[in-house]
All heavy atoms as atom14 arrays in JSON, in Angstrom:
{
  "sequence": "VFSQIAMLVFLTGLIVWMGFIVWDLAKKSQAGKFGTIALFTVLGAGV",
  "atom14_mask": [
    [1, 1, 1, 1, 1, 1, 1, 0, 0, 0, 0, 0, 0, 0],
    [1, 1, 1, 1, 1, 1, 1, 1, 1, 1, 1, 0, 0, 0],
    [1, 1, 1, 1, 1, 1, 0, 0, 0, 0, 0, 0, 0, 0],
    [1, 1, 1, 1, 1, 1, 1, 1, 1, 0, 0, 0, 0, 0],
    [1, 1, 1, 1, 1, 1, 1, 1, 0, 0, 0, 0, 0, 0],
    [1, 1, 1, 1, 1, 0, 0, 0, 0, 0, 0, 0, 0, 0],
    [1, 1, 1, 1, 1, 1, 1, 1, 0, 0, 0, 0, 0, 0],
    [1, 1, 1, 1, 1, 1, 1, 1, 0, 0, 0, 0, 0, 0],
    [1, 1, 1, 1, 1, 1, 1, 0, 0, 0, 0, 0, 0, 0],
    [1, 1, 1, 1, 1, 1, 1, 1, 1, 1, 1, 0, 0, 0],
    [1, 1, 1, 1, 1, 1, 1, 1, 0, 0, 0, 0, 0, 0],
    [1, 1, 1, 1, 1, 1, 1, 0, 0, 0, 0, 0, 0, 0],
    [1, 1, 1, 1, 0, 0, 0, 0, 0, 0, 0, 0, 0, 0],
    [1, 1, 1, 1, 1, 1, 1, 1, 0, 0, 0, 0, 0, 0],
    [1, 1, 1, 1, 1, 1, 1, 1, 0, 0, 0, 0, 0, 0],
    [1, 1, 1, 1, 1, 1, 1, 0, 0, 0, 0, 0, 0, 0],
    [1, 1, 1, 1, 1, 1, 1, 1, 1, 1, 1, 1, 1, 1],
    [1, 1, 1, 1, 1, 1, 1, 1, 0, 0, 0, 0, 0, 0],
    [1, 1, 1, 1, 0, 0, 0, 0, 0, 0, 0, 0, 0, 0],
    [1, 1, 1, 1, 1, 1, 1, 1, 1, 1, 1, 0, 0, 0],
    [1, 1, 1, 1, 1, 1, 1, 1, 0, 0, 0, 0, 0, 0],
    [1, 1, 1, 1, 1, 1, 1, 0, 0, 0, 0, 0, 0, 0],
    [1, 1, 1, 1, 1, 1, 1, 1, 1, 1, 1, 1, 1, 1],
    [1, 1, 1, 1, 1, 1, 1, 1, 0, 0, 0, 0, 0, 0],
    [1, 1, 1, 1, 1, 1, 1, 1, 0, 0, 0, 0, 0, 0],
    [1, 1, 1, 1, 1, 0, 0, 0, 0, 0, 0, 0, 0, 0],
    [1, 1, 1, 1, 1, 1, 1, 1, 1, 0, 0, 0, 0, 0],
    [1, 1, 1, 1, 1, 1, 1, 1, 1, 0, 0, 0, 0, 0],
    [1, 1, 1, 1, 1, 1, 0, 0, 0, 0, 0, 0, 0, 0],
    [1, 1, 1, 1, 1, 1, 1, 1, 1, 0, 0, 0, 0, 0],
    [1, 1, 1, 1, 1, 0, 0, 0, 0, 0, 0, 0, 0, 0],
    [1, 1, 1, 1, 0, 0, 0, 0, 0, 0, 0, 0, 0, 0],
    [1, 1, 1, 1, 1, 1, 1, 1, 1, 0, 0, 0, 0, 0],
    [1, 1, 1, 1, 1, 1, 1, 1, 1, 1, 1, 0, 0, 0],
    [1, 1, 1, 1, 0, 0, 0, 0, 0, 0, 0, 0, 0, 0],
    [1, 1, 1, 1, 1, 1, 1, 0, 0, 0, 0, 0, 0, 0],
    [1, 1, 1, 1, 1, 1, 1, 1, 0, 0, 0, 0, 0, 0],
    [1, 1, 1, 1, 1, 0, 0, 0, 0, 0, 0, 0, 0, 0],
    [1, 1, 1, 1, 1, 1, 1, 1, 0, 0, 0, 0, 0, 0],
    [1, 1, 1, 1, 1, 1, 1, 1, 1, 1, 1, 0, 0, 0],
    [1, 1, 1, 1, 1, 1, 1, 0, 0, 0, 0, 0, 0, 0],
    [1, 1, 1, 1, 1, 1, 1, 0, 0, 0, 0, 0, 0, 0],
    [1, 1, 1, 1, 1, 1, 1, 1, 0, 0, 0, 0, 0, 0],
    [1, 1, 1, 1, 0, 0, 0, 0, 0, 0, 0, 0, 0, 0],
    [1, 1, 1, 1, 1, 0, 0, 0, 0, 0, 0, 0, 0, 0],
    [1, 1, 1, 1, 0, 0, 0, 0, 0, 0, 0, 0, 0, 0],
    [1, 1, 1, 1, 1, 1, 1, 0, 0, 0, 0, 0, 0, 0]
  ],
  "atom14_positions": [
    [[0.85, -1.2, 0.0], [-0.03, 0.01, 0.01], [0.89, 1.24, 0.0], [0.63, 2.23, -0.74], [-0.94, 0.02, 1.23], [-1.7, 1.31, 1.33], [-1.92, -1.17, 1.13], [0.0, 0.0, 0.0], [0.0, 0.0, 0.0], [0.0, 0.0, 0.0], [0.0, 0.0, 0.0], [0.0, 0.0, 0.0], [0.0, 0.0, 0.0], [0.0, 0.0, 0.0]],
    [[1.94, 1.24, 0.81], [2.84, 2.35, 0.88], [3.5, 2.59, -0.46], [3.63, 3.74, -0.96], [3.92, 2.17, 1.96], [4.93, 3.27, 1.96], [4.63, 4.48, 2.53], [6.19, 3.08, 1.41], [5.56, 5.51, 2.58], [7.12, 4.07, 1.45], [6.83, 5.29, 2.03], [0.0, 0.0, 0.0], [0.0, 0.0, 0.0], [0.0, 0.0, 0.0]],
    [[3.92, 1.52, -1.13], [4.59, 1.65, -2.44], [3.63, 2.21, -3.46], [3.99, 3.06, -4.3], [5.07, 0.3, -2.91], [6.11, -0.19, -2.11], [0.0, 0.0, 0.0], [0.0, 0.0, 0.0], [0.0, 0.0, 0.0], [0.0, 0.0, 0.0], [0.0, 0.0, 0.0], [0.0, 0.0, 0.0], [0.0, 0.0, 0.0], [0.0, 0.0, 0.0]],
    [[2.37, 1.79, -3.46], [1.39, 2.31, -4.39], [1.14, 3.78, -4.17], [1.09, 4.55, -5.15], [0.11, 1.49, -4.3], [-0.92, 1.86, -5.39], [-2.13, 0.95, -5.3], [-2.32, 0.3, -4.32], [-2.95, 1.03, -6.34], [0.0, 0.0, 0.0], [0.0, 0.0, 0.0], [0.0, 0.0, 0.0], [0.0, 0.0, 0.0], [0.0, 0.0, 0.0]],
    [[0.98, 4.19, -2.95], [0.71, 5.59, -2.65], [1.92, 6.46, -3.0], [1.81, 7.52, -3.6], [0.37, 5.79, -1.17], [-1.02, 5.17, -0.87], [0.35, 7.26, -0.77], [-1.38, 5.07, 0.59], [0.0, 0.0, 0.0], [0.0, 0.0, 0.0], [0.0, 0.0, 0.0], [0.0, 0.0, 0.0], [0.0, 0.0, 0.0], [0.0, 0.0, 0.0]],
    [[3.13, 5.94, -2.64], [4.35, 6.71, -2.96], [4.54, 6.85, -4.48], [4.95, 7.91, -4.98], [5.56, 6.02, -2.32], [0.0, 0.0, 0.0], [0.0, 0.0, 0.0], [0.0, 0.0, 0.0], [0.0, 0.0, 0.0], [0.0, 0.0, 0.0], [0.0, 0.0, 0.0], [0.0, 0.0, 0.0], [0.0, 0.0, 0.0], [0.0, 0.0, 0.0]],
    [[4.23, 5.76, -5.22], [4.35, 5.84, -6.66], [3.43, 6.92, -7.25], [3.82, 7.68, -8.11], [4.06, 4.49, -7.28], [4.16, 4.46, -8.78], [5.82, 4.72, -9.37], [6.41, 3.07, -9.28], [0.0, 0.0, 0.0], [0.0, 0.0, 0.0], [0.0, 0.0, 0.0], [0.0, 0.0, 0.0], [0.0, 0.0, 0.0], [0.0, 0.0, 0.0]],
    [[2.17, 6.93, -6.8], [1.25, 7.94, -7.27], [1.69, 9.33, -6.95], [1.63, 10.22, -7.83], [-0.14, 7.69, -6.67], [-0.89, 6.45, -7.25], [-2.18, 6.26, -6.44], [-1.2, 6.66, -8.69], [0.0, 0.0, 0.0], [0.0, 0.0, 0.0], [0.0, 0.0, 0.0], [0.0, 0.0, 0.0], [0.0, 0.0, 0.0], [0.0, 0.0, 0.0]],
    [[2.19, 9.56, -5.76], [2.59, 10.91, -5.32], [3.83, 11.34, -6.1], [3.83, 12.46, -6.64], [2.88, 10.9, -3.81], [3.59, 12.21, -3.39], [1.57, 10.76, -3.01], [0.0, 0.0, 0.0], [0.0, 0.0, 0.0], [0.0, 0.0, 0.0], [0.0, 0.0, 0.0], [0.0, 0.0, 0.0], [0.0, 0.0, 0.0], [0.0, 0.0, 0.0]],
    [[4.86, 10.49, -6.21], [6.07, 10.89, -6.88], [5.89, 10.95, -8.39], [6.48, 11.8, -9.04], [7.22, 9.94, -6.52], [7.71, 10.13, -5.12], [7.68, 9.1, -4.17], [8.16, 11.35, -4.68], [8.12, 9.26, -2.89], [8.58, 11.55, -3.4], [8.58, 10.51, -2.52], [0.0, 0.0, 0.0], [0.0, 0.0, 0.0], [0.0, 0.0, 0.0]],
    [[5.05, 10.09, -8.96], [4.76, 10.18, -10.38], [4.03, 11.44, -10.75], [4.33, 12.11, -11.73], [4.0, 8.92, -10.85], [4.0, 8.64, -12.34], [5.4, 8.53, -12.87], [3.24, 7.38, -12.59], [0.0, 0.0, 0.0], [0.0, 0.0, 0.0], [0.0, 0.0, 0.0], [0.0, 0.0, 0.0], [0.0, 0.0, 0.0], [0.0, 0.0, 0.0]],
    [[3.05, 11.82, -9.89], [2.36, 13.07, -10.09], [3.32, 14.22, -9.99], [3.26, 15.17, -10.84], [1.23, 13.22, -9.07], [0.36, 12.1, -9.18], [0.45, 14.51, -9.3], [0.0, 0.0, 0.0], [0.0, 0.0, 0.0], [0.0, 0.0, 0.0], [0.0, 0.0, 0.0], [0.0, 0.0, 0.0], [0.0, 0.0, 0.0], [0.0, 0.0, 0.0]],
    [[4.21, 14.22, -9.04], [5.19, 15.28, -8.9], [6.11, 15.33, -10.09], [6.45, 16.43, -10.59], [0.0, 0.0, 0.0], [0.0, 0.0, 0.0], [0.0, 0.0, 0.0], [0.0, 0.0, 0.0], [0.0, 0.0, 0.0], [0.0, 0.0, 0.0], [0.0, 0.0, 0.0], [0.0, 0.0, 0.0], [0.0, 0.0, 0.0], [0.0, 0.0, 0.0]],
    [[6.49, 14.21, -10.63], [7.34, 14.17, -11.83], [6.63, 14.76, -13.04], [7.23, 15.52, -13.81], [7.8, 12.74, -12.09], [8.67, 12.52, -13.34], [10.02, 13.23, -13.14], [8.91, 11.04, -13.59], [0.0, 0.0, 0.0], [0.0, 0.0, 0.0], [0.0, 0.0, 0.0], [0.0, 0.0, 0.0], [0.0, 0.0, 0.0], [0.0, 0.0, 0.0]],
    [[5.36, 14.44, -13.19], [4.6, 14.96, -14.33], [4.47, 16.47, -14.2], [4.61, 17.23, -15.19], [3.22, 14.26, -14.44], [3.43, 12.85, -14.88], [2.3, 14.97, -15.38], [2.18, 12.0, -14.77], [0.0, 0.0, 0.0], [0.0, 0.0, 0.0], [0.0, 0.0, 0.0], [0.0, 0.0, 0.0], [0.0, 0.0, 0.0], [0.0, 0.0, 0.0]],
    [[4.19, 16.99, -13.01], [4.11, 18.44, -12.79], [5.45, 19.1, -13.08], [5.52, 20.15, -13.73], [3.62, 18.75, -11.35], [3.75, 20.21, -11.02], [2.22, 18.27, -11.17], [0.0, 0.0, 0.0], [0.0, 0.0, 0.0], [0.0, 0.0, 0.0], [0.0, 0.0, 0.0], [0.0, 0.0, 0.0], [0.0, 0.0, 0.0], [0.0, 0.0, 0.0]],
    [[6.53, 18.49, -12.63], [7.88, 19.03, -12.87], [8.17, 19.05, -14.36], [8.77, 20.03, -14.86], [8.91, 18.2, -12.11], [10.31, 18.73, -12.18], [10.74, 20.01, -11.96], [11.45, 17.97, -12.52], [12.08, 20.04, -12.13], [12.56, 18.86, -12.47], [11.67, 16.61, -12.83], [13.85, 18.41, -12.71], [12.96, 16.21, -13.11], [14.04, 17.1, -13.05]],
    [[7.81, 18.04, -15.07], [8.02, 18.0, -16.54], [7.21, 19.09, -17.23], [7.67, 19.72, -18.18], [7.67, 16.65, -17.1], [8.65, 15.55, -16.74], [8.13, 13.9, -17.17], [7.76, 14.04, -18.88], [0.0, 0.0, 0.0], [0.0, 0.0, 0.0], [0.0, 0.0, 0.0], [0.0, 0.0, 0.0], [0.0, 0.0, 0.0], [0.0, 0.0, 0.0]],
    [[6.01, 19.36, -16.74], [5.21, 20.5, -17.25], [5.88, 21.82, -17.03], [5.89, 22.67, -17.92], [0.0, 0.0, 0.0], [0.0, 0.0, 0.0], [0.0, 0.0, 0.0], [0.0, 0.0, 0.0], [0.0, 0.0, 0.0], [0.0, 0.0, 0.0], [0.0, 0.0, 0.0], [0.0, 0.0, 0.0], [0.0, 0.0, 0.0], [0.0, 0.0, 0.0]],
    [[6.49, 21.98, -15.86], [7.25, 23.21, -15.61], [8.46, 23.33, -16.55], [8.77, 24.41, -17.03], [7.72, 23.26, -14.15], [8.68, 24.42, -13.89], [8.17, 25.72, -13.82], [10.03, 24.21, -13.77], [9.06, 26.77, -13.59], [10.91, 25.25, -13.53], [10.4, 26.53, -13.42], [0.0, 0.0, 0.0], [0.0, 0.0, 0.0], [0.0, 0.0, 0.0]],
    [[9.13, 22.22, -16.81], [10.28, 22.23, -17.72], [9.84, 22.66, -19.1], [10.52, 23.46, -19.77], [10.98, 20.88, -17.73], [11.67, 20.6, -16.4], [11.97, 20.76, -18.86], [12.22, 19.23, -16.22], [0.0, 0.0, 0.0], [0.0, 0.0, 0.0], [0.0, 0.0, 0.0], [0.0, 0.0, 0.0], [0.0, 0.0, 0.0], [0.0, 0.0, 0.0]],
    [[8.71, 22.13, -19.61], [8.2, 22.48, -20.92], [7.86, 23.98, -20.93], [8.14, 24.68, -21.91], [7.01, 21.58, -21.33], [6.36, 22.11, -22.59], [7.44, 20.14, -21.46], [0.0, 0.0, 0.0], [0.0, 0.0, 0.0], [0.0, 0.0, 0.0], [0.0, 0.0, 0.0], [0.0, 0.0, 0.0], [0.0, 0.0, 0.0], [0.0, 0.0, 0.0]],
    [[7.17, 24.43, -19.92], [6.83, 25.87, -19.85], [8.09, 26.75, -19.86], [8.14, 27.76, -20.53], [6.0, 26.13, -18.61], [5.68, 27.6, -18.39], [4.71, 28.3, -19.06], [6.3, 28.49, -17.5], [4.74, 29.61, -18.61], [5.68, 29.74, -17.65], [7.32, 28.35, -16.56], [6.06, 30.84, -16.91], [7.69, 29.46, -15.83], [7.05, 30.67, -16.01]],
    [[9.1, 26.35, -19.08], [10.35, 27.12, -19.03], [11.06, 27.07, -20.37], [11.62, 28.11, -20.81], [11.24, 26.54, -17.92], [12.41, 27.42, -17.65], [12.26, 28.63, -17.48], [13.58, 26.86, -17.57], [0.0, 0.0, 0.0], [0.0, 0.0, 0.0], [0.0, 0.0, 0.0], [0.0, 0.0, 0.0], [0.0, 0.0, 0.0], [0.0, 0.0, 0.0]],
    [[11.05, 25.96, -21.02], [11.63, 25.82, -22.34], [10.93, 26.78, -23.38], [11.61, 27.47, -24.14], [11.54, 24.38, -22.86], [12.02, 24.08, -24.26], [13.55, 24.29, -24.37], [11.67, 22.7, -24.64], [0.0, 0.0, 0.0], [0.0, 0.0, 0.0], [0.0, 0.0, 0.0], [0.0, 0.0, 0.0], [0.0, 0.0, 0.0], [0.0, 0.0, 0.0]],
    [[9.61, 26.82, -23.29], [8.89, 27.71, -24.19], [9.18, 29.17, -23.9], [9.32, 29.97, -24.82], [7.38, 27.4, -24.06], [0.0, 0.0, 0.0], [0.0, 0.0, 0.0], [0.0, 0.0, 0.0], [0.0, 0.0, 0.0], [0.0, 0.0, 0.0], [0.0, 0.0, 0.0], [0.0, 0.0, 0.0], [0.0, 0.0, 0.0], [0.0, 0.0, 0.0]],
    [[9.3, 29.48, -22.65], [9.56, 30.87, -22.25], [10.95, 31.32, -22.67], [11.16, 32.38, -23.23], [9.39, 31.03, -20.72], [9.52, 32.44, -20.26], [9.23, 32.52, -18.78], [9.46, 33.92, -18.25], [9.3, 34.03, -16.79], [0.0, 0.0, 0.0], [0.0, 0.0, 0.0], [0.0, 0.0, 0.0], [0.0, 0.0, 0.0], [0.0, 0.0, 0.0]],
    [[11.96, 30.46, -22.41], [13.34, 30.81, -22.72], [13.6, 30.85, -24.23], [14.41, 31.62, -24.67], [14.3, 29.84, -22.08], [14.46, 30.08, -20.58], [15.45, 29.13, -19.96], [15.6, 29.39, -18.47], [16.53, 28.51, -17.83], [0.0, 0.0, 0.0], [0.0, 0.0, 0.0], [0.0, 0.0, 0.0], [0.0, 0.0, 0.0], [0.0, 0.0, 0.0]],
    [[12.88, 30.04, -24.99], [13.08, 30.03, -26.47], [12.17, 31.03, -27.15], [12.19, 31.12, -28.38], [12.79, 28.64, -26.99], [11.44, 28.32, -26.84], [0.0, 0.0, 0.0], [0.0, 0.0, 0.0], [0.0, 0.0, 0.0], [0.0, 0.0, 0.0], [0.0, 0.0, 0.0], [0.0, 0.0, 0.0], [0.0, 0.0, 0.0], [0.0, 0.0, 0.0]],
    [[11.4, 31.79, -26.39], [10.47, 32.78, -26.92], [9.57, 32.17, -28.0], [9.43, 32.68, -29.1], [11.21, 34.0, -27.44], [12.02, 34.69, -26.37], [12.87, 35.83, -26.91], [13.08, 35.94, -28.12], [13.41, 36.62, -26.01], [0.0, 0.0, 0.0], [0.0, 0.0, 0.0], [0.0, 0.0, 0.0], [0.0, 0.0, 0.0], [0.0, 0.0, 0.0]],
    [[8.95, 31.06, -27.64], [8.14, 30.3, -28.61], [6.86, 30.98, -29.01], [6.28, 30.68, -30.03], [7.86, 28.9, -28.04], [0.0, 0.0, 0.0], [0.0, 0.0, 0.0], [0.0, 0.0, 0.0], [0.0, 0.0, 0.0], [0.0, 0.0, 0.0], [0.0, 0.0, 0.0], [0.0, 0.0, 0.0], [0.0, 0.0, 0.0], [0.0, 0.0, 0.0]],
    [[6.35, 31.85, -28.17], [5.07, 32.49, -28.48], [3.96, 31.56, -28.08], [4.1, 30.47, -27.57], [0.0, 0.0, 0.0], [0.0, 0.0, 0.0], [0.0, 0.0, 0.0], [0.0, 0.0, 0.0], [0.0, 0.0, 0.0], [0.0, 0.0, 0.0], [0.0, 0.0, 0.0], [0.0, 0.0, 0.0], [0.0, 0.0, 0.0], [0.0, 0.0, 0.0]],
    [[2.7, 32.05, -28.34], [1.52, 31.31, -27.91], [1.39, 29.99, -28.7], [1.16, 28.96, -28.11], [0.27, 32.16, -28.11], [-0.96, 31.54, -27.55], [-2.18, 32.41, -27.68], [-2.16, 33.45, -26.6], [-3.37, 34.25, -26.52], [0.0, 0.0, 0.0], [0.0, 0.0, 0.0], [0.0, 0.0, 0.0], [0.0, 0.0, 0.0], [0.0, 0.0, 0.0]],
    [[1.52, 30.08, -30.0], [1.38, 28.87, -30.82], [2.46, 27.84, -30.49], [2.19, 26.64, -30.4], [1.41, 29.23, -32.32], [1.28, 28.01, -33.22], [0.1, 27.38, -33.35], [2.41, 27.52, -33.87], [0.0, 26.26, -34.18], [2.32, 26.39, -34.67], [1.08, 25.78, -34.84], [0.0, 0.0, 0.0], [0.0, 0.0, 0.0], [0.0, 0.0, 0.0]],
    [[3.7, 28.31, -30.36], [4.81, 27.39, -30.05], [4.63, 26.74, -28.68], [4.97, 25.57, -28.51], [0.0, 0.0, 0.0], [0.0, 0.0, 0.0], [0.0, 0.0, 0.0], [0.0, 0.0, 0.0], [0.0, 0.0, 0.0], [0.0, 0.0, 0.0], [0.0, 0.0, 0.0], [0.0, 0.0, 0.0], [0.0, 0.0, 0.0], [0.0, 0.0, 0.0]],
    [[4.14, 27.49, -27.73], [3.92, 26.95, -26.39], [2.85, 25.84, -26.44], [3.02, 24.78, -25.85], [3.56, 28.06, -25.41], [4.57, 29.04, -25.4], [3.36, 27.52, -24.0], [0.0, 0.0, 0.0], [0.0, 0.0, 0.0], [0.0, 0.0, 0.0], [0.0, 0.0, 0.0], [0.0, 0.0, 0.0], [0.0, 0.0, 0.0], [0.0, 0.0, 0.0]],
    [[1.78, 26.16, -27.16], [0.7, 25.14, -27.29], [1.23, 23.89, -28.01], [0.92, 22.77, -27.62], [-0.5, 25.78, -28.04], [-1.15, 26.8, -27.14], [-1.5, 24.67, -28.45], [-2.2, 27.63, -27.85], [0.0, 0.0, 0.0], [0.0, 0.0, 0.0], [0.0, 0.0, 0.0], [0.0, 0.0, 0.0], [0.0, 0.0, 0.0], [0.0, 0.0, 0.0]],
    [[2.06, 24.12, -29.04], [2.6, 22.99, -29.78], [3.54, 22.12, -28.86], [3.44, 20.88, -28.88], [3.37, 23.48, -30.99], [0.0, 0.0, 0.0], [0.0, 0.0, 0.0], [0.0, 0.0, 0.0], [0.0, 0.0, 0.0], [0.0, 0.0, 0.0], [0.0, 0.0, 0.0], [0.0, 0.0, 0.0], [0.0, 0.0, 0.0], [0.0, 0.0, 0.0]],
    [[4.33, 22.79, -28.06], [5.23, 22.03, -27.16], [4.44, 21.24, -26.16], [4.73, 20.05, -25.91], [6.17, 23.03, -26.42], [7.38, 23.51, -27.15], [8.07, 24.65, -26.36], [8.37, 22.4, -27.33], [0.0, 0.0, 0.0], [0.0, 0.0, 0.0], [0.0, 0.0, 0.0], [0.0, 0.0, 0.0], [0.0, 0.0, 0.0], [0.0, 0.0, 0.0]],
    [[3.47, 21.85, -25.54], [2.64, 21.11, -24.55], [1.84, 19.99, -25.2], [1.69, 18.93, -24.61], [1.71, 22.06, -23.81], [2.35, 22.72, -22.6], [2.79, 24.02, -22.66], [2.52, 22.0, -21.42], [3.37, 24.62, -21.54], [3.09, 22.57, -20.31], [3.52, 23.88, -20.37], [0.0, 0.0, 0.0], [0.0, 0.0, 0.0], [0.0, 0.0, 0.0]],
    [[1.35, 20.19, -26.43], [0.63, 19.14, -27.1], [1.51, 17.97, -27.44], [1.17, 16.82, -27.11], [-0.04, 19.74, -28.36], [-0.88, 20.79, -28.01], [-0.83, 18.63, -29.08], [0.0, 0.0, 0.0], [0.0, 0.0, 0.0], [0.0, 0.0, 0.0], [0.0, 0.0, 0.0], [0.0, 0.0, 0.0], [0.0, 0.0, 0.0], [0.0, 0.0, 0.0]],
    [[2.61, 18.23, -28.07], [3.5, 17.16, -28.51], [4.18, 16.45, -27.35], [4.18, 15.21, -27.26], [4.54, 17.7, -29.5], [5.56, 16.64, -29.84], [3.85, 18.18, -30.79], [0.0, 0.0, 0.0], [0.0, 0.0, 0.0], [0.0, 0.0, 0.0], [0.0, 0.0, 0.0], [0.0, 0.0, 0.0], [0.0, 0.0, 0.0], [0.0, 0.0, 0.0]],
    [[4.73, 17.21, -26.44], [5.45, 16.6, -25.32], [4.49, 16.06, -24.28], [4.81, 15.09, -23.56], [6.4, 17.59, -24.7], [7.56, 18.03, -25.61], [8.39, 19.13, -24.97], [8.41, 16.87, -26.05], [0.0, 0.0, 0.0], [0.0, 0.0, 0.0], [0.0, 0.0, 0.0], [0.0, 0.0, 0.0], [0.0, 0.0, 0.0], [0.0, 0.0, 0.0]],
    [[3.25, 16.59, -24.21], [2.28, 16.1, -23.3], [1.63, 14.8, -23.78], [1.02, 14.1, -22.99], [0.0, 0.0, 0.0], [0.0, 0.0, 0.0], [0.0, 0.0, 0.0], [0.0, 0.0, 0.0], [0.0, 0.0, 0.0], [0.0, 0.0, 0.0], [0.0, 0.0, 0.0], [0.0, 0.0, 0.0], [0.0, 0.0, 0.0], [0.0, 0.0, 0.0]],
    [[1.73, 14.52, -25.07], [1.14, 13.3, -25.62], [1.77, 12.04, -24.98], [1.09, 11.06, -24.8], [1.32, 13.26, -27.14], [0.0, 0.0, 0.0], [0.0, 0.0, 0.0], [0.0, 0.0, 0.0], [0.0, 0.0, 0.0], [0.0, 0.0, 0.0], [0.0, 0.0, 0.0], [0.0, 0.0, 0.0], [0.0, 0.0, 0.0], [0.0, 0.0, 0.0]],
    [[3.07, 12.13, -24.64], [3.72, 11.01, -23.97], [3.14, 10.78, -22.6], [2.94, 9.62, -22.21], [0.0, 0.0, 0.0], [0.0, 0.0, 0.0], [0.0, 0.0, 0.0], [0.0, 0.0, 0.0], [0.0, 0.0, 0.0], [0.0, 0.0, 0.0], [0.0, 0.0, 0.0], [0.0, 0.0, 0.0], [0.0, 0.0, 0.0], [0.0, 0.0, 0.0]],
    [[2.86, 11.83, -21.88], [2.27, 11.73, -20.56], [0.88, 11.16, -20.63], [0.49, 10.3, -19.88], [2.3, 13.11, -19.82], [1.54, 13.04, -18.52], [3.69, 13.58, -19.61], [0.0, 0.0, 0.0], [0.0, 0.0, 0.0], [0.0, 0.0, 0.0], [0.0, 0.0, 0.0], [0.0, 0.0, 0.0], [0.0, 0.0, 0.0], [0.0, 0.0, 0.0]]
  ]
}
């Protein structure tokens, strides 16, 4: 039970962290609105 709960918590944290990384990548590369949406769509498809 502990392993299952820990997996859910840490996996959720990892997904949120990856979302922040994509947002930061879009911001630093000055991707604009369309580029940011494209990044989140393509890279979010794996999640």
